[in-house]
Amino acid sequence: MDLFSSIGMQEILVILLVAMLVIGPNKIAEFGKTLGNVSRNLKKASTDFTTSITREIDEEEKSKKTEGAQTGKPEAKKS
């Protein structure tokens, strides 16, 4: 489900107007930059976490195959 698919132009304008009233027009650009940085850092952390987990799973599977080959027993199939 896409978060922004149901938000129209009017809703975006209302959000920007409220943001200007709360934050102030001078701080909007700084706030947007900070929000972009936070979003970028979260995406990078998510990607790094996924890569790390995938690498660990691959290493575990590789060690199980190696262990099975050394003992001569075939690896049990998972169902």
N, C-alpha and C. Protein backbone atom coordinates (compact mmCIF):
# COMPACT_ATOMS: atom_id res chain seq x y z
N MET A 1 0.85 -1.17 0.00
CA MET A 1 0.00 0.00 0.00
C MET A 1 0.90 1.24 0.00
N ASP A 2 0.67 2.09 -0.96
CA ASP A 2 1.48 3.29 -1.08
C ASP A 2 0.88 4.39 -0.21
N LEU A 3 1.69 4.96 0.65
CA LEU A 3 1.23 5.97 1.61
C LEU A 3 0.72 7.21 0.91
N PHE A 4 1.37 7.63 -0.16
CA PHE A 4 1.04 8.89 -0.80
C PHE A 4 0.03 8.76 -1.93
N SER A 5 -0.44 7.56 -2.21
CA SER A 5 -1.39 7.38 -3.30
C SER A 5 -2.75 8.00 -2.98
N SER A 6 -3.10 8.06 -1.71
CA SER A 6 -4.41 8.60 -1.35
C SER A 6 -4.35 10.08 -0.96
N ILE A 7 -3.17 10.68 -0.96
CA ILE A 7 -3.04 12.09 -0.60
C ILE A 7 -3.05 12.92 -1.88
N GLY A 8 -4.00 13.84 -1.95
CA GLY A 8 -4.12 14.69 -3.12
C GLY A 8 -3.34 15.99 -2.94
N MET A 9 -3.40 16.82 -3.96
CA MET A 9 -2.68 18.10 -3.95
C MET A 9 -3.20 19.02 -2.84
N GLN A 10 -4.50 19.02 -2.62
CA GLN A 10 -5.07 19.89 -1.57
C GLN A 10 -4.56 19.49 -0.19
N GLU A 11 -4.47 18.21 0.06
CA GLU A 11 -3.99 17.75 1.35
C GLU A 11 -2.52 18.12 1.55
N ILE A 12 -1.72 18.00 0.49
CA ILE A 12 -0.31 18.38 0.58
C ILE A 12 -0.17 19.87 0.88
N LEU A 13 -0.99 20.69 0.23
CA LEU A 13 -0.94 22.14 0.48
C LEU A 13 -1.33 22.47 1.92
N VAL A 14 -2.33 21.78 2.44
CA VAL A 14 -2.74 22.00 3.84
C VAL A 14 -1.61 21.60 4.78
N ILE A 15 -0.96 20.48 4.52
CA ILE A 15 0.16 20.03 5.36
C ILE A 15 1.29 21.05 5.32
N LEU A 16 1.61 21.57 4.13
CA LEU A 16 2.67 22.58 4.02
C LEU A 16 2.29 23.86 4.74
N LEU A 17 1.02 24.27 4.65
CA LEU A 17 0.56 25.48 5.34
C LEU A 17 0.68 25.32 6.85
N VAL A 18 0.25 24.19 7.36
CA VAL A 18 0.36 23.93 8.80
C VAL A 18 1.83 23.88 9.22
N ALA A 19 2.67 23.27 8.40
CA ALA A 19 4.10 23.21 8.71
C ALA A 19 4.69 24.61 8.76
N MET A 20 4.28 25.49 7.84
CA MET A 20 4.79 26.86 7.86
C MET A 20 4.35 27.61 9.11
N LEU A 21 3.13 27.35 9.55
CA LEU A 21 2.64 28.02 10.75
C LEU A 21 3.34 27.50 12.00
N VAL A 22 3.59 26.21 12.06
CA VAL A 22 4.21 25.61 13.24
C VAL A 22 5.72 25.85 13.27
N ILE A 23 6.38 25.58 12.16
CA ILE A 23 7.84 25.66 12.11
C ILE A 23 8.31 27.06 11.77
N GLY A 24 7.58 27.72 10.91
CA GLY A 24 7.99 29.04 10.45
C GLY A 24 8.58 28.94 9.06
N PRO A 25 8.33 29.94 8.23
CA PRO A 25 8.76 29.87 6.84
C PRO A 25 10.28 29.83 6.68
N ASN A 26 11.02 30.38 7.60
CA ASN A 26 12.48 30.40 7.49
C ASN A 26 13.11 29.05 7.79
N LYS A 27 12.41 28.23 8.57
CA LYS A 27 12.97 26.94 8.98
C LYS A 27 12.49 25.78 8.12
N ILE A 28 11.60 26.03 7.17
CA ILE A 28 11.05 24.95 6.34
C ILE A 28 12.16 24.24 5.56
N ALA A 29 13.05 25.00 4.92
CA ALA A 29 14.12 24.38 4.12
C ALA A 29 15.04 23.55 5.00
N GLU A 30 15.38 24.07 6.17
CA GLU A 30 16.25 23.33 7.10
C GLU A 30 15.56 22.05 7.58
N PHE A 31 14.28 22.16 7.87
CA PHE A 31 13.51 21.01 8.31
C PHE A 31 13.43 19.95 7.21
N GLY A 32 13.22 20.39 5.97
CA GLY A 32 13.17 19.46 4.84
C GLY A 32 14.50 18.75 4.64
N LYS A 33 15.59 19.50 4.79
CA LYS A 33 16.92 18.91 4.64
C LYS A 33 17.16 17.86 5.73
N THR A 34 16.81 18.20 6.95
CA THR A 34 16.96 17.27 8.06
C THR A 34 16.10 16.02 7.86
N LEU A 35 14.88 16.22 7.41
CA LEU A 35 13.98 15.10 7.15
C LEU A 35 14.54 14.21 6.05
N GLY A 36 15.11 14.80 5.02
CA GLY A 36 15.73 14.03 3.94
C GLY A 36 16.92 13.22 4.44
N ASN A 37 17.74 13.84 5.29
CA ASN A 37 18.89 13.14 5.86
C ASN A 37 18.46 11.95 6.71
N VAL A 38 17.43 12.16 7.52
CA VAL A 38 16.92 11.08 8.37
C VAL A 38 16.39 9.94 7.50
N SER A 39 15.64 10.30 6.47
CA SER A 39 15.10 9.29 5.57
C SER A 39 16.21 8.51 4.88
N ARG A 40 17.24 9.20 4.41
CA ARG A 40 18.38 8.55 3.74
C ARG A 40 19.10 7.62 4.71
N ASN A 41 19.32 8.08 5.94
CA ASN A 41 20.02 7.25 6.93
C ASN A 41 19.22 6.01 7.30
N LEU A 42 17.90 6.15 7.42
CA LEU A 42 17.06 4.99 7.73
C LEU A 42 17.08 3.99 6.59
N LYS A 43 17.04 4.47 5.35
CA LYS A 43 17.09 3.58 4.20
C LYS A 43 18.42 2.84 4.15
N LYS A 44 19.53 3.55 4.42
CA LYS A 44 20.85 2.93 4.42
C LYS A 44 20.95 1.89 5.52
N ALA A 45 20.44 2.22 6.71
CA ALA A 45 20.48 1.27 7.83
C ALA A 45 19.66 0.03 7.51
N SER A 46 18.52 0.22 6.88
CA SER A 46 17.67 -0.92 6.49
C SER A 46 18.38 -1.80 5.48
N THR A 47 19.01 -1.19 4.49
CA THR A 47 19.75 -1.94 3.48
C THR A 47 20.93 -2.68 4.10
N ASP A 48 21.66 -2.01 4.98
CA ASP A 48 22.80 -2.65 5.65
C ASP A 48 22.34 -3.83 6.50
N PHE A 49 21.23 -3.67 7.21
CA PHE A 49 20.70 -4.73 8.04
C PHE A 49 20.29 -5.93 7.19
N THR A 50 19.59 -5.68 6.09
CA THR A 50 19.16 -6.75 5.20
C THR A 50 20.37 -7.48 4.62
N THR A 51 21.38 -6.74 4.20
CA THR A 51 22.60 -7.33 3.65
C THR A 51 23.29 -8.20 4.69
N SER A 52 23.37 -7.70 5.92
CA SER A 52 24.01 -8.44 6.99
C SER A 52 23.28 -9.75 7.30
N ILE A 53 21.98 -9.69 7.38
CA ILE A 53 21.18 -10.88 7.67
C ILE A 53 21.32 -11.89 6.53
N THR A 54 21.26 -11.41 5.28
CA THR A 54 21.41 -12.30 4.13
C THR A 54 22.77 -12.97 4.13
N ARG A 55 23.82 -12.22 4.45
CA ARG A 55 25.17 -12.77 4.50
C ARG A 55 25.27 -13.84 5.58
N GLU A 56 24.70 -13.58 6.75
CA GLU A 56 24.73 -14.56 7.84
C GLU A 56 24.00 -15.85 7.45
N ILE A 57 22.86 -15.71 6.80
CA ILE A 57 22.10 -16.89 6.38
C ILE A 57 22.89 -17.70 5.36
N ASP A 58 23.50 -17.00 4.40
CA ASP A 58 24.31 -17.69 3.39
C ASP A 58 25.49 -18.42 4.02
N GLU A 59 26.16 -17.79 4.98
CA GLU A 59 27.29 -18.44 5.66
C GLU A 59 26.82 -19.65 6.44
N GLU A 60 25.66 -19.55 7.10
CA GLU A 60 25.12 -20.67 7.87
C GLU A 60 24.79 -21.84 6.95
N GLU A 61 24.17 -21.56 5.82
CA GLU A 61 23.84 -22.62 4.86
C GLU A 61 25.10 -23.25 4.31
N LYS A 62 26.10 -22.44 4.02
CA LYS A 62 27.37 -22.95 3.49
C LYS A 62 28.06 -23.85 4.52
N SER A 63 28.03 -23.44 5.79
CA SER A 63 28.68 -24.25 6.83
C SER A 63 27.93 -25.56 7.04
N LYS A 64 26.61 -25.55 6.92
CA LYS A 64 25.84 -26.78 7.05
C LYS A 64 26.16 -27.74 5.92
N LYS A 65 26.30 -27.21 4.69
CA LYS A 65 26.64 -28.07 3.55
C LYS A 65 28.02 -28.65 3.72
N THR A 66 28.96 -27.82 4.17
CA THR A 66 30.33 -28.29 4.39
C THR A 66 30.36 -29.34 5.49
N GLU A 67 29.63 -29.11 6.56
CA GLU A 67 29.57 -30.06 7.68
C GLU A 67 28.96 -31.38 7.24
N GLY A 68 27.92 -31.31 6.41
CA GLY A 68 27.29 -32.53 5.90
C GLY A 68 28.20 -33.30 4.98
N ALA A 69 28.99 -32.60 4.18
CA ALA A 69 29.92 -33.26 3.27
C ALA A 69 31.05 -33.93 4.04
N GLN A 70 31.49 -33.36 5.15
CA GLN A 70 32.58 -33.92 5.93
C GLN A 70 32.14 -35.18 6.68
N THR A 71 30.90 -35.22 7.13
CA THR A 71 30.42 -36.38 7.87
C THR A 71 29.86 -37.45 6.95
N GLY A 72 29.65 -37.10 5.69
CA GLY A 72 29.12 -38.06 4.73
C GLY A 72 27.63 -38.20 4.78
N LYS A 73 26.99 -37.46 5.65
CA LYS A 73 25.54 -37.51 5.75
C LYS A 73 24.94 -36.42 4.88
N PRO A 74 23.91 -36.76 4.11
CA PRO A 74 23.25 -35.72 3.32
C PRO A 74 22.48 -34.77 4.23
N GLU A 75 22.38 -33.56 3.79
CA GLU A 75 21.67 -32.55 4.56
C GLU A 75 20.18 -32.88 4.56
N ALA A 76 19.54 -32.76 5.71
CA ALA A 76 18.10 -33.02 5.81
C ALA A 76 17.34 -31.94 5.08
N LYS A 77 16.35 -32.37 4.31
CA LYS A 77 15.55 -31.39 3.58
C LYS A 77 14.51 -30.79 4.50
N LYS A 78 14.33 -29.48 4.31
CA LYS A 78 13.32 -28.77 5.11
C LYS A 78 12.01 -28.76 4.35
N SER A 79 10.91 -28.95 5.07
CA SER A 79 9.62 -28.93 4.39
C SER A 79 8.80 -27.76 4.82
